[in-house]
Amino acid sequence: MSESGFLASLFDLSFSEFIAARIIKVVYVLMIATLGLLCLSLFAASAFQSFSGFFGALVGCPLLFVVGVIYIRVCIELTIVIFRIAENIQVIADAARNTGARSPVE
């Protein structure tokens, strides 16, 4: 696969270039920031309800944040693994095509 520009890859209608690997870091940071804001708003909402709500939020919100970050990370890693498998299969298919062997992908 050739390294073309981001905009060229974005508007590649044949989907020969993957952009997920290029933007995944930005998506990860945005998802963590969103989860952080969600936990902060959950903490604020439950902390002002009652005294026991404050202590529940004190324990629950950090726990929710850690579990959420782990879940987001695992999902993103699975996505990247799938894209890397696709790239490696393409390399194998190109190598088989160059040697004249029959590719199992075709």
PDB file of N, CA and C in Angstrom:
ATOM      1  N   MET A   1       0.833  -1.172   0.000  1.00  0.00           N
ATOM      2  CA  MET A   1       0.000   0.000   0.000  1.00  0.00           C
ATOM      3  C   MET A   1       0.880   1.238   0.000  1.00  0.00           C
ATOM      4  N   SER A   2       0.564   2.158  -0.823  1.00  0.00           N
ATOM      5  CA  SER A   2       1.373   3.356  -0.914  1.00  0.00           C
ATOM      6  C   SER A   2       0.949   4.365   0.145  1.00  0.00           C
ATOM      7  N   GLU A   3       1.898   5.180   0.542  1.00  0.00           N
ATOM      8  CA  GLU A   3       1.637   6.221   1.532  1.00  0.00           C
ATOM      9  C   GLU A   3       1.191   7.481   0.796  1.00  0.00           C
ATOM     10  N   SER A   4      -0.083   7.737   0.744  1.00  0.00           N
ATOM     11  CA  SER A   4      -0.589   8.955   0.127  1.00  0.00           C
ATOM     12  C   SER A   4      -1.017   9.923   1.220  1.00  0.00           C
ATOM     13  N   GLY A   5      -1.408  11.109   0.827  1.00  0.00           N
ATOM     14  CA  GLY A   5      -1.812  12.110   1.783  1.00  0.00           C
ATOM     15  C   GLY A   5      -3.095  11.734   2.495  1.00  0.00           C
ATOM     16  N   PHE A   6      -3.319  12.391   3.626  1.00  0.00           N
ATOM     17  CA  PHE A   6      -4.495  12.085   4.432  1.00  0.00           C
ATOM     18  C   PHE A   6      -5.780  12.378   3.677  1.00  0.00           C
ATOM     19  N   LEU A   7      -5.847  13.524   3.013  1.00  0.00           N
ATOM     20  CA  LEU A   7      -7.062  13.879   2.280  1.00  0.00           C
ATOM     21  C   LEU A   7      -7.289  12.953   1.098  1.00  0.00           C
ATOM     22  N   ALA A   8      -6.213  12.539   0.436  1.00  0.00           N
ATOM     23  CA  ALA A   8      -6.358  11.593  -0.671  1.00  0.00           C
ATOM     24  C   ALA A   8      -6.892  10.264  -0.159  1.00  0.00           C
ATOM     25  N   SER A   9      -6.410   9.830   0.998  1.00  0.00           N
ATOM     26  CA  SER A   9      -6.903   8.579   1.592  1.00  0.00           C
ATOM     27  C   SER A   9      -8.344   8.721   2.060  1.00  0.00           C
ATOM     28  N   LEU A  10      -8.689   9.898   2.555  1.00  0.00           N
ATOM     29  CA  LEU A  10     -10.044  10.131   3.054  1.00  0.00           C
ATOM     30  C   LEU A  10     -11.078  10.021   1.941  1.00  0.00           C
ATOM     31  N   PHE A  11     -10.731  10.494   0.758  1.00  0.00           N
ATOM     32  CA  PHE A  11     -11.676  10.474  -0.361  1.00  0.00           C
ATOM     33  C   PHE A  11     -11.376   9.370  -1.364  1.00  0.00           C
ATOM     34  N   ASP A  12     -10.660   8.335  -0.932  1.00  0.00           N
ATOM     35  CA  ASP A  12     -10.378   7.175  -1.770  1.00  0.00           C
ATOM     36  C   ASP A  12     -11.606   6.277  -1.779  1.00  0.00           C
ATOM     37  N   LEU A  13     -12.358   6.309  -2.839  1.00  0.00           N
ATOM     38  CA  LEU A  13     -13.617   5.578  -2.913  1.00  0.00           C
ATOM     39  C   LEU A  13     -13.429   4.073  -3.074  1.00  0.00           C
ATOM     40  N   SER A  14     -12.217   3.635  -3.409  1.00  0.00           N
ATOM     41  CA  SER A  14     -11.958   2.202  -3.527  1.00  0.00           C
ATOM     42  C   SER A  14     -11.511   1.601  -2.201  1.00  0.00           C
ATOM     43  N   PHE A  15     -11.306   2.434  -1.191  1.00  0.00           N
ATOM     44  CA  PHE A  15     -10.889   2.006   0.150  1.00  0.00           C
ATOM     45  C   PHE A  15      -9.602   1.182   0.110  1.00  0.00           C
ATOM     46  N   SER A  16      -8.660   1.612  -0.728  1.00  0.00           N
ATOM     47  CA  SER A  16      -7.388   0.905  -0.796  1.00  0.00           C
ATOM     48  C   SER A  16      -6.419   1.388   0.286  1.00  0.00           C
ATOM     49  N   GLU A  17      -6.692   2.512   0.884  1.00  0.00           N
ATOM     50  CA  GLU A  17      -5.869   3.051   1.975  1.00  0.00           C
ATOM     51  C   GLU A  17      -6.715   3.134   3.236  1.00  0.00           C
ATOM     52  N   PHE A  18      -6.149   2.747   4.360  1.00  0.00           N
ATOM     53  CA  PHE A  18      -6.849   2.818   5.637  1.00  0.00           C
ATOM     54  C   PHE A  18      -6.420   4.075   6.388  1.00  0.00           C
ATOM     55  N   ILE A  19      -7.387   4.809   6.925  1.00  0.00           N
ATOM     56  CA  ILE A  19      -7.057   6.010   7.691  1.00  0.00           C
ATOM     57  C   ILE A  19      -7.194   5.789   9.193  1.00  0.00           C
ATOM     58  N   ALA A  20      -7.754   4.656   9.593  1.00  0.00           N
ATOM     59  CA  ALA A  20      -7.986   4.410  11.015  1.00  0.00           C
ATOM     60  C   ALA A  20      -6.682   4.429  11.804  1.00  0.00           C
ATOM     61  N   ALA A  21      -5.638   3.844  11.247  1.00  0.00           N
ATOM     62  CA  ALA A  21      -4.359   3.807  11.955  1.00  0.00           C
ATOM     63  C   ALA A  21      -3.766   5.207  12.108  1.00  0.00           C
ATOM     64  N   ARG A  22      -4.122   6.104  11.213  1.00  0.00           N
ATOM     65  CA  ARG A  22      -3.591   7.468  11.273  1.00  0.00           C
ATOM     66  C   ARG A  22      -4.318   8.335  12.298  1.00  0.00           C
ATOM     67  N   ILE A  23      -5.608   8.099  12.495  1.00  0.00           N
ATOM     68  CA  ILE A  23      -6.378   8.981  13.362  1.00  0.00           C
ATOM     69  C   ILE A  23      -6.706   8.355  14.716  1.00  0.00           C
ATOM     70  N   ILE A  24      -6.234   7.145  14.959  1.00  0.00           N
ATOM     71  CA  ILE A  24      -6.646   6.428  16.160  1.00  0.00           C
ATOM     72  C   ILE A  24      -6.169   7.117  17.442  1.00  0.00           C
ATOM     73  N   LYS A  25      -5.019   7.763  17.412  1.00  0.00           N
ATOM     74  CA  LYS A  25      -4.526   8.462  18.604  1.00  0.00           C
ATOM     75  C   LYS A  25      -5.441   9.621  18.981  1.00  0.00           C
ATOM     76  N   VAL A  26      -5.902  10.346  17.974  1.00  0.00           N
ATOM     77  CA  VAL A  26      -6.803  11.471  18.223  1.00  0.00           C
ATOM     78  C   VAL A  26      -8.139  10.961  18.769  1.00  0.00           C
ATOM     79  N   VAL A  27      -8.636   9.879  18.192  1.00  0.00           N
ATOM     80  CA  VAL A  27      -9.893   9.293  18.658  1.00  0.00           C
ATOM     81  C   VAL A  27      -9.751   8.831  20.103  1.00  0.00           C
ATOM     82  N   TYR A  28      -8.624   8.219  20.438  1.00  0.00           N
ATOM     83  CA  TYR A  28      -8.381   7.732  21.799  1.00  0.00           C
ATOM     84  C   TYR A  28      -8.376   8.892  22.798  1.00  0.00           C
ATOM     85  N   VAL A  29      -7.692   9.964  22.474  1.00  0.00           N
ATOM     86  CA  VAL A  29      -7.646  11.129  23.369  1.00  0.00           C
ATOM     87  C   VAL A  29      -9.038  11.741  23.527  1.00  0.00           C
ATOM     88  N   LEU A  30      -9.785  11.851  22.435  1.00  0.00           N
ATOM     89  CA  LEU A  30     -11.138  12.411  22.510  1.00  0.00           C
ATOM     90  C   LEU A  30     -12.067  11.535  23.352  1.00  0.00           C
ATOM     91  N   MET A  31     -11.928  10.232  23.230  1.00  0.00           N
ATOM     92  CA  MET A  31     -12.774   9.337  24.012  1.00  0.00           C
ATOM     93  C   MET A  31     -12.422   9.402  25.498  1.00  0.00           C
ATOM     94  N   ILE A  32     -11.142   9.509  25.822  1.00  0.00           N
ATOM     95  CA  ILE A  32     -10.746   9.641  27.229  1.00  0.00           C
ATOM     96  C   ILE A  32     -11.242  10.966  27.799  1.00  0.00           C
ATOM     97  N   ALA A  33     -11.124  12.040  27.022  1.00  0.00           N
ATOM     98  CA  ALA A  33     -11.602  13.340  27.488  1.00  0.00           C
ATOM     99  C   ALA A  33     -13.121  13.312  27.694  1.00  0.00           C
ATOM    100  N   THR A  34     -13.848  12.687  26.797  1.00  0.00           N
ATOM    101  CA  THR A  34     -15.296  12.574  26.939  1.00  0.00           C
ATOM    102  C   THR A  34     -15.665  11.758  28.164  1.00  0.00           C
ATOM    103  N   LEU A  35     -14.949  10.650  28.384  1.00  0.00           N
ATOM    104  CA  LEU A  35     -15.197   9.828  29.565  1.00  0.00           C
ATOM    105  C   LEU A  35     -14.874  10.605  30.840  1.00  0.00           C
ATOM    106  N   GLY A  36     -13.813  11.402  30.821  1.00  0.00           N
ATOM    107  CA  GLY A  36     -13.473  12.225  31.975  1.00  0.00           C
ATOM    108  C   GLY A  36     -14.557  13.246  32.291  1.00  0.00           C
ATOM    109  N   LEU A  37     -15.072  13.888  31.252  1.00  0.00           N
ATOM    110  CA  LEU A  37     -16.154  14.860  31.468  1.00  0.00           C
ATOM    111  C   LEU A  37     -17.425  14.177  31.966  1.00  0.00           C
ATOM    112  N   LEU A  38     -17.694  12.991  31.450  1.00  0.00           N
ATOM    113  CA  LEU A  38     -18.847  12.231  31.915  1.00  0.00           C
ATOM    114  C   LEU A  38     -18.700  11.880  33.397  1.00  0.00           C
ATOM    115  N   CYS A  39     -17.526  11.440  33.794  1.00  0.00           N
ATOM    116  CA  CYS A  39     -17.291  11.088  35.201  1.00  0.00           C
ATOM    117  C   CYS A  39     -17.367  12.313  36.106  1.00  0.00           C
ATOM    118  N   LEU A  40     -16.840  13.442  35.640  1.00  0.00           N
ATOM    119  CA  LEU A  40     -16.924  14.668  36.435  1.00  0.00           C
ATOM    120  C   LEU A  40     -18.370  15.124  36.608  1.00  0.00           C
ATOM    121  N   SER A  41     -19.148  15.057  35.538  1.00  0.00           N
ATOM    122  CA  SER A  41     -20.542  15.468  35.661  1.00  0.00           C
ATOM    123  C   SER A  41     -21.336  14.480  36.518  1.00  0.00           C
ATOM    124  N   LEU A  42     -21.026  13.204  36.425  1.00  0.00           N
ATOM    125  CA  LEU A  42     -21.665  12.206  37.275  1.00  0.00           C
ATOM    126  C   LEU A  42     -21.303  12.432  38.742  1.00  0.00           C
ATOM    127  N   PHE A  43     -20.044  12.767  38.980  1.00  0.00           N
ATOM    128  CA  PHE A  43     -19.606  13.051  40.345  1.00  0.00           C
ATOM    129  C   PHE A  43     -20.334  14.269  40.898  1.00  0.00           C
ATOM    130  N   ALA A  44     -20.409  15.327  40.096  1.00  0.00           N
ATOM    131  CA  ALA A  44     -21.079  16.551  40.552  1.00  0.00           C
ATOM    132  C   ALA A  44     -22.557  16.305  40.803  1.00  0.00           C
ATOM    133  N   ALA A  45     -23.192  15.542  39.943  1.00  0.00           N
ATOM    134  CA  ALA A  45     -24.628  15.292  40.098  1.00  0.00           C
ATOM    135  C   ALA A  45     -24.918  14.444  41.327  1.00  0.00           C
ATOM    136  N   SER A  46     -24.097  13.434  41.579  1.00  0.00           N
ATOM    137  CA  SER A  46     -24.378  12.547  42.712  1.00  0.00           C
ATOM    138  C   SER A  46     -23.824  13.095  44.023  1.00  0.00           C
ATOM    139  N   ALA A  47     -22.784  13.901  43.967  1.00  0.00           N
ATOM    140  CA  ALA A  47     -22.184  14.430  45.193  1.00  0.00           C
ATOM    141  C   ALA A  47     -23.115  15.432  45.882  1.00  0.00           C
ATOM    142  N   PHE A  48     -23.908  16.147  45.112  1.00  0.00           N
ATOM    143  CA  PHE A  48     -24.780  17.141  45.706  1.00  0.00           C
ATOM    144  C   PHE A  48     -26.159  16.593  46.057  1.00  0.00           C
ATOM    145  N   GLN A  49     -26.383  15.327  45.818  1.00  0.00           N
ATOM    146  CA  GLN A  49     -27.665  14.718  46.160  1.00  0.00           C
ATOM    147  C   GLN A  49     -27.766  14.425  47.651  1.00  0.00           C
ATOM    148  N   SER A  50     -26.742  13.772  48.174  1.00  0.00           N
ATOM    149  CA  SER A  50     -26.758  13.414  49.591  1.00  0.00           C
ATOM    150  C   SER A  50     -25.328  13.159  50.055  1.00  0.00           C
ATOM    151  N   PHE A  51     -25.193  12.983  51.358  1.00  0.00           N
ATOM    152  CA  PHE A  51     -23.879  12.706  51.939  1.00  0.00           C
ATOM    153  C   PHE A  51     -23.362  11.348  51.467  1.00  0.00           C
ATOM    154  N   SER A  52     -24.231  10.347  51.428  1.00  0.00           N
ATOM    155  CA  SER A  52     -23.812   9.023  50.961  1.00  0.00           C
ATOM    156  C   SER A  52     -23.553   9.030  49.456  1.00  0.00           C
ATOM    157  N   GLY A  53     -24.241   9.889  48.726  1.00  0.00           N
ATOM    158  CA  GLY A  53     -23.989  10.026  47.292  1.00  0.00           C
ATOM    159  C   GLY A  53     -22.602  10.562  47.021  1.00  0.00           C
ATOM    160  N   PHE A  54     -22.127  11.435  47.899  1.00  0.00           N
ATOM    161  CA  PHE A  54     -20.775  11.976  47.753  1.00  0.00           C
ATOM    162  C   PHE A  54     -19.738  10.875  47.867  1.00  0.00           C
ATOM    163  N   PHE A  55     -19.886  10.021  48.884  1.00  0.00           N
ATOM    164  CA  PHE A  55     -18.905   8.949  49.066  1.00  0.00           C
ATOM    165  C   PHE A  55     -19.044   7.867  47.996  1.00  0.00           C
ATOM    166  N   GLY A  56     -20.248   7.630  47.541  1.00  0.00           N
ATOM    167  CA  GLY A  56     -20.436   6.701  46.428  1.00  0.00           C
ATOM    168  C   GLY A  56     -19.787   7.206  45.148  1.00  0.00           C
ATOM    169  N   ALA A  57     -19.928   8.502  44.919  1.00  0.00           N
ATOM    170  CA  ALA A  57     -19.310   9.104  43.748  1.00  0.00           C
ATOM    171  C   ALA A  57     -17.798   9.156  43.886  1.00  0.00           C
ATOM    172  N   LEU A  58     -17.313   9.323  45.112  1.00  0.00           N
ATOM    173  CA  LEU A  58     -15.875   9.370  45.363  1.00  0.00           C
ATOM    174  C   LEU A  58     -15.212   8.046  45.008  1.00  0.00           C
ATOM    175  N   VAL A  59     -15.920   6.952  45.199  1.00  0.00           N
ATOM    176  CA  VAL A  59     -15.385   5.633  44.868  1.00  0.00           C
ATOM    177  C   VAL A  59     -15.800   5.224  43.454  1.00  0.00           C
ATOM    178  N   GLY A  60     -17.040   5.471  43.091  1.00  0.00           N
ATOM    179  CA  GLY A  60     -17.582   4.986  41.829  1.00  0.00           C
ATOM    180  C   GLY A  60     -17.039   5.682  40.596  1.00  0.00           C
ATOM    181  N   CYS A  61     -16.860   6.981  40.666  1.00  0.00           N
ATOM    182  CA  CYS A  61     -16.423   7.718  39.481  1.00  0.00           C
ATOM    183  C   CYS A  61     -15.002   7.363  39.042  1.00  0.00           C
ATOM    184  N   PRO A  62     -14.023   7.318  39.952  1.00  0.00           N
ATOM    185  CA  PRO A  62     -12.697   6.876  39.499  1.00  0.00           C
ATOM    186  C   PRO A  62     -12.692   5.433  38.997  1.00  0.00           C
ATOM    187  N   LEU A  63     -13.488   4.579  39.630  1.00  0.00           N
ATOM    188  CA  LEU A  63     -13.587   3.199  39.185  1.00  0.00           C
ATOM    189  C   LEU A  63     -14.203   3.136  37.784  1.00  0.00           C
ATOM    190  N   LEU A  64     -15.255   3.907  37.566  1.00  0.00           N
ATOM    191  CA  LEU A  64     -15.878   3.979  36.247  1.00  0.00           C
ATOM    192  C   LEU A  64     -14.887   4.493  35.204  1.00  0.00           C
ATOM    193  N   PHE A  65     -14.103   5.483  35.568  1.00  0.00           N
ATOM    194  CA  PHE A  65     -13.126   6.040  34.638  1.00  0.00           C
ATOM    195  C   PHE A  65     -12.078   5.006  34.252  1.00  0.00           C
ATOM    196  N   VAL A  66     -11.532   4.300  35.230  1.00  0.00           N
ATOM    197  CA  VAL A  66     -10.484   3.305  34.951  1.00  0.00           C
ATOM    198  C   VAL A  66     -11.039   2.164  34.098  1.00  0.00           C
ATOM    199  N   VAL A  67     -12.203   1.660  34.469  1.00  0.00           N
ATOM    200  CA  VAL A  67     -12.807   0.568  33.692  1.00  0.00           C
ATOM    201  C   VAL A  67     -13.153   1.050  32.288  1.00  0.00           C
ATOM    202  N   GLY A  68     -13.635   2.271  32.168  1.00  0.00           N
ATOM    203  CA  GLY A  68     -13.959   2.826  30.854  1.00  0.00           C
ATOM    204  C   GLY A  68     -12.732   2.989  29.973  1.00  0.00           C
ATOM    205  N   VAL A  69     -11.625   3.456  30.547  1.00  0.00           N
ATOM    206  CA  VAL A  69     -10.390   3.611  29.765  1.00  0.00           C
ATOM    207  C   VAL A  69      -9.871   2.245  29.320  1.00  0.00           C
ATOM    208  N   ILE A  70      -9.954   1.256  30.196  1.00  0.00           N
ATOM    209  CA  ILE A  70      -9.526  -0.099  29.819  1.00  0.00           C
ATOM    210  C   ILE A  70     -10.388  -0.613  28.669  1.00  0.00           C
ATOM    211  N   TYR A  71     -11.694  -0.423  28.753  1.00  0.00           N
ATOM    212  CA  TYR A  71     -12.600  -0.877  27.703  1.00  0.00           C
ATOM    213  C   TYR A  71     -12.306  -0.167  26.379  1.00  0.00           C
ATOM    214  N   ILE A  72     -12.127   1.137  26.426  1.00  0.00           N
ATOM    215  CA  ILE A  72     -11.829   1.905  25.217  1.00  0.00           C
ATOM    216  C   ILE A  72     -10.520   1.433  24.605  1.00  0.00           C
ATOM    217  N   ARG A  73      -9.512   1.233  25.447  1.00  0.00           N
ATOM    218  CA  ARG A  73      -8.202   0.801  24.957  1.00  0.00           C
ATOM    219  C   ARG A  73      -8.282  -0.569  24.283  1.00  0.00           C
ATOM    220  N   VAL A  74      -8.989  -1.506  24.893  1.00  0.00           N
ATOM    221  CA  VAL A  74      -9.116  -2.850  24.316  1.00  0.00           C
ATOM    222  C   VAL A  74      -9.851  -2.777  22.975  1.00  0.00           C
ATOM    223  N   CYS A  75     -10.908  -2.004  22.894  1.00  0.00           N
ATOM    224  CA  CYS A  75     -11.645  -1.871  21.629  1.00  0.00           C
ATOM    225  C   CYS A  75     -10.769  -1.265  20.537  1.00  0.00           C
ATOM    226  N   ILE A  76      -9.994  -0.255  20.884  1.00  0.00           N
ATOM    227  CA  ILE A  76      -9.124   0.376  19.903  1.00  0.00           C
ATOM    228  C   ILE A  76      -8.010  -0.582  19.477  1.00  0.00           C
ATOM    229  N   GLU A  77      -7.446  -1.332  20.428  1.00  0.00           N
ATOM    230  CA  GLU A  77      -6.404  -2.290  20.073  1.00  0.00           C
ATOM    231  C   GLU A  77      -6.950  -3.385  19.155  1.00  0.00           C
ATOM    232  N   LEU A  78      -8.168  -3.840  19.408  1.00  0.00           N
ATOM    233  CA  LEU A  78      -8.778  -4.838  18.519  1.00  0.00           C
ATOM    234  C   LEU A  78      -8.981  -4.273  17.117  1.00  0.00           C
ATOM    235  N   THR A  79      -9.389  -3.029  17.040  1.00  0.00           N
ATOM    236  CA  THR A  79      -9.562  -2.389  15.739  1.00  0.00           C
ATOM    237  C   THR A  79      -8.242  -2.304  14.990  1.00  0.00           C
ATOM    238  N   ILE A  80      -7.185  -1.893  15.686  1.00  0.00           N
ATOM    239  CA  ILE A  80      -5.870  -1.782  15.056  1.00  0.00           C
ATOM    240  C   ILE A  80      -5.369  -3.156  14.620  1.00  0.00           C
ATOM    241  N   VAL A  81      -5.605  -4.187  15.428  1.00  0.00           N
ATOM    242  CA  VAL A  81      -5.193  -5.546  15.050  1.00  0.00           C
ATOM    243  C   VAL A  81      -5.875  -5.972  13.762  1.00  0.00           C
ATOM    244  N   ILE A  82      -7.144  -5.684  13.631  1.00  0.00           N
ATOM    245  CA  ILE A  82      -7.870  -6.047  12.407  1.00  0.00           C
ATOM    246  C   ILE A  82      -7.287  -5.327  11.195  1.00  0.00           C
ATOM    247  N   PHE A  83      -6.960  -4.046  11.341  1.00  0.00           N
ATOM    248  CA  PHE A  83      -6.373  -3.313  10.226  1.00  0.00           C
ATOM    249  C   PHE A  83      -4.975  -3.826   9.897  1.00  0.00           C
ATOM    250  N   ARG A  84      -4.194  -4.189  10.902  1.00  0.00           N
ATOM    251  CA  ARG A  84      -2.856  -4.738  10.635  1.00  0.00           C
ATOM    252  C   ARG A  84      -2.936  -6.106   9.969  1.00  0.00           C
ATOM    253  N   ILE A  85      -3.911  -6.902  10.347  1.00  0.00           N
ATOM    254  CA  ILE A  85      -4.113  -8.187   9.671  1.00  0.00           C
ATOM    255  C   ILE A  85      -4.422  -7.948   8.200  1.00  0.00           C
ATOM    256  N   ALA A  86      -5.286  -6.990   7.917  1.00  0.00           N
ATOM    257  CA  ALA A  86      -5.633  -6.677   6.524  1.00  0.00           C
ATOM    258  C   ALA A  86      -4.404  -6.212   5.744  1.00  0.00           C
ATOM    259  N   GLU A  87      -3.570  -5.374   6.358  1.00  0.00           N
ATOM    260  CA  GLU A  87      -2.365  -4.897   5.685  1.00  0.00           C
ATOM    261  C   GLU A  87      -1.398  -6.047   5.430  1.00  0.00           C
ATOM    262  N   ASN A  88      -1.234  -6.942   6.409  1.00  0.00           N
ATOM    263  CA  ASN A  88      -0.319  -8.071   6.235  1.00  0.00           C
ATOM    264  C   ASN A  88      -0.831  -9.055   5.191  1.00  0.00           C
ATOM    265  N   ILE A  89      -2.120  -9.265   5.129  1.00  0.00           N
ATOM    266  CA  ILE A  89      -2.682 -10.130   4.087  1.00  0.00           C
ATOM    267  C   ILE A  89      -2.433  -9.518   2.710  1.00  0.00           C
ATOM    268  N   GLN A  90      -2.536  -8.197   2.613  1.00  0.00           N
ATOM    269  CA  GLN A  90      -2.266  -7.530   1.338  1.00  0.00           C
ATOM    270  C   GLN A  90      -0.811  -7.713   0.938  1.00  0.00           C
ATOM    271  N   VAL A  91       0.117  -7.640   1.893  1.00  0.00           N
ATOM    272  CA  VAL A  91       1.539  -7.850   1.602  1.00  0.00           C
ATOM    273  C   VAL A  91       1.772  -9.280   1.122  1.00  0.00           C
ATOM    274  N   ILE A  92       1.138 -10.246   1.769  1.00  0.00           N
ATOM    275  CA  ILE A  92       1.278 -11.642   1.365  1.00  0.00           C
ATOM    276  C   ILE A  92       0.712 -11.852  -0.036  1.00  0.00           C
ATOM    277  N   ALA A  93      -0.435 -11.253  -0.323  1.00  0.00           N
ATOM    278  CA  ALA A  93      -1.044 -11.383  -1.646  1.00  0.00           C
ATOM    279  C   ALA A  93      -0.164 -10.733  -2.713  1.00  0.00           C
ATOM    280  N   ASP A  94       0.421  -9.572  -2.419  1.00  0.00           N
ATOM    281  CA  ASP A  94       1.315  -8.916  -3.377  1.00  0.00           C
ATOM    282  C   ASP A  94       2.562  -9.752  -3.617  1.00  0.00           C
ATOM    283  N   ALA A  95       3.120 -10.342  -2.563  1.00  0.00           N
ATOM    284  CA  ALA A  95       4.312 -11.178  -2.707  1.00  0.00           C
ATOM    285  C   ALA A  95       3.995 -12.422  -3.522  1.00  0.00           C
ATOM    286  N   ALA A  96       2.833 -13.015  -3.308  1.00  0.00           N
ATOM    287  CA  ALA A  96       2.438 -14.200  -4.072  1.00  0.00           C
ATOM    288  C   ALA A  96       2.212 -13.842  -5.537  1.00  0.00           C
ATOM    289  N   ARG A  97       1.656 -12.658  -5.763  1.00  0.00           N
ATOM    290  CA  ARG A  97       1.429 -12.215  -7.133  1.00  0.00           C
ATOM    291  C   ARG A  97       2.752 -11.988  -7.855  1.00  0.00           C
ATOM    292  N   ASN A  98       3.748 -11.470  -7.161  1.00  0.00           N
ATOM    293  CA  ASN A  98       5.053 -11.190  -7.765  1.00  0.00           C
ATOM    294  C   ASN A  98       5.828 -12.461  -8.054  1.00  0.00           C
ATOM    295  N   THR A  99       5.638 -13.508  -7.270  1.00  0.00           N
ATOM    296  CA  THR A  99       6.366 -14.767  -7.494  1.00  0.00           C
ATOM    297  C   THR A  99       5.614 -15.677  -8.452  1.00  0.00           C
ATOM    298  N   GLY A 100       4.388 -15.341  -8.772  1.00  0.00           N
ATOM    299  CA  GLY A 100       3.602 -16.154  -9.690  1.00  0.00           C
ATOM    300  C   GLY A 100       2.847 -17.274  -9.001  1.00  0.00           C
ATOM    301  N   ALA A 101       2.964 -17.367  -7.713  1.00  0.00           N
ATOM    302  CA  ALA A 101       2.253 -18.409  -6.982  1.00  0.00           C
ATOM    303  C   ALA A 101       0.784 -18.022  -6.857  1.00  0.00           C
ATOM    304  N   ARG A 102      -0.036 -19.021  -6.651  1.00  0.00           N
ATOM    305  CA  ARG A 102      -1.464 -18.760  -6.474  1.00  0.00           C
ATOM    306  C   ARG A 102      -1.699 -18.288  -5.035  1.00  0.00           C
ATOM    307  N   SER A 103      -2.327 -17.138  -4.883  1.00  0.00           N
ATOM    308  CA  SER A 103      -2.577 -16.571  -3.572  1.00  0.00           C
ATOM    309  C   SER A 103      -3.882 -17.117  -2.995  1.00  0.00           C
ATOM    310  N   PRO A 104      -3.895 -17.497  -1.711  1.00  0.00           N
ATOM    311  CA  PRO A 104      -5.136 -17.957  -1.114  1.00  0.00           C
ATOM    312  C   PRO A 104      -6.148 -16.833  -0.915  1.00  0.00           C
ATOM    313  N   VAL A 105      -5.716 -15.600  -1.044  1.00  0.00           N
ATOM    314  CA  VAL A 105      -6.601 -14.453  -0.850  1.00  0.00           C
ATOM    315  C   VAL A 105      -7.445 -14.202  -2.085  1.00  0.00           C
ATOM    316  N   GLU A 106      -6.922 -14.525  -3.243  1.00  0.00           N
ATOM    317  CA  GLU A 106      -7.624 -14.229  -4.488  1.00  0.00           C
ATOM    318  C   GLU A 106      -8.748 -15.173  -4.749  1.00  0.00           C
TER     319      GLU A 106
END
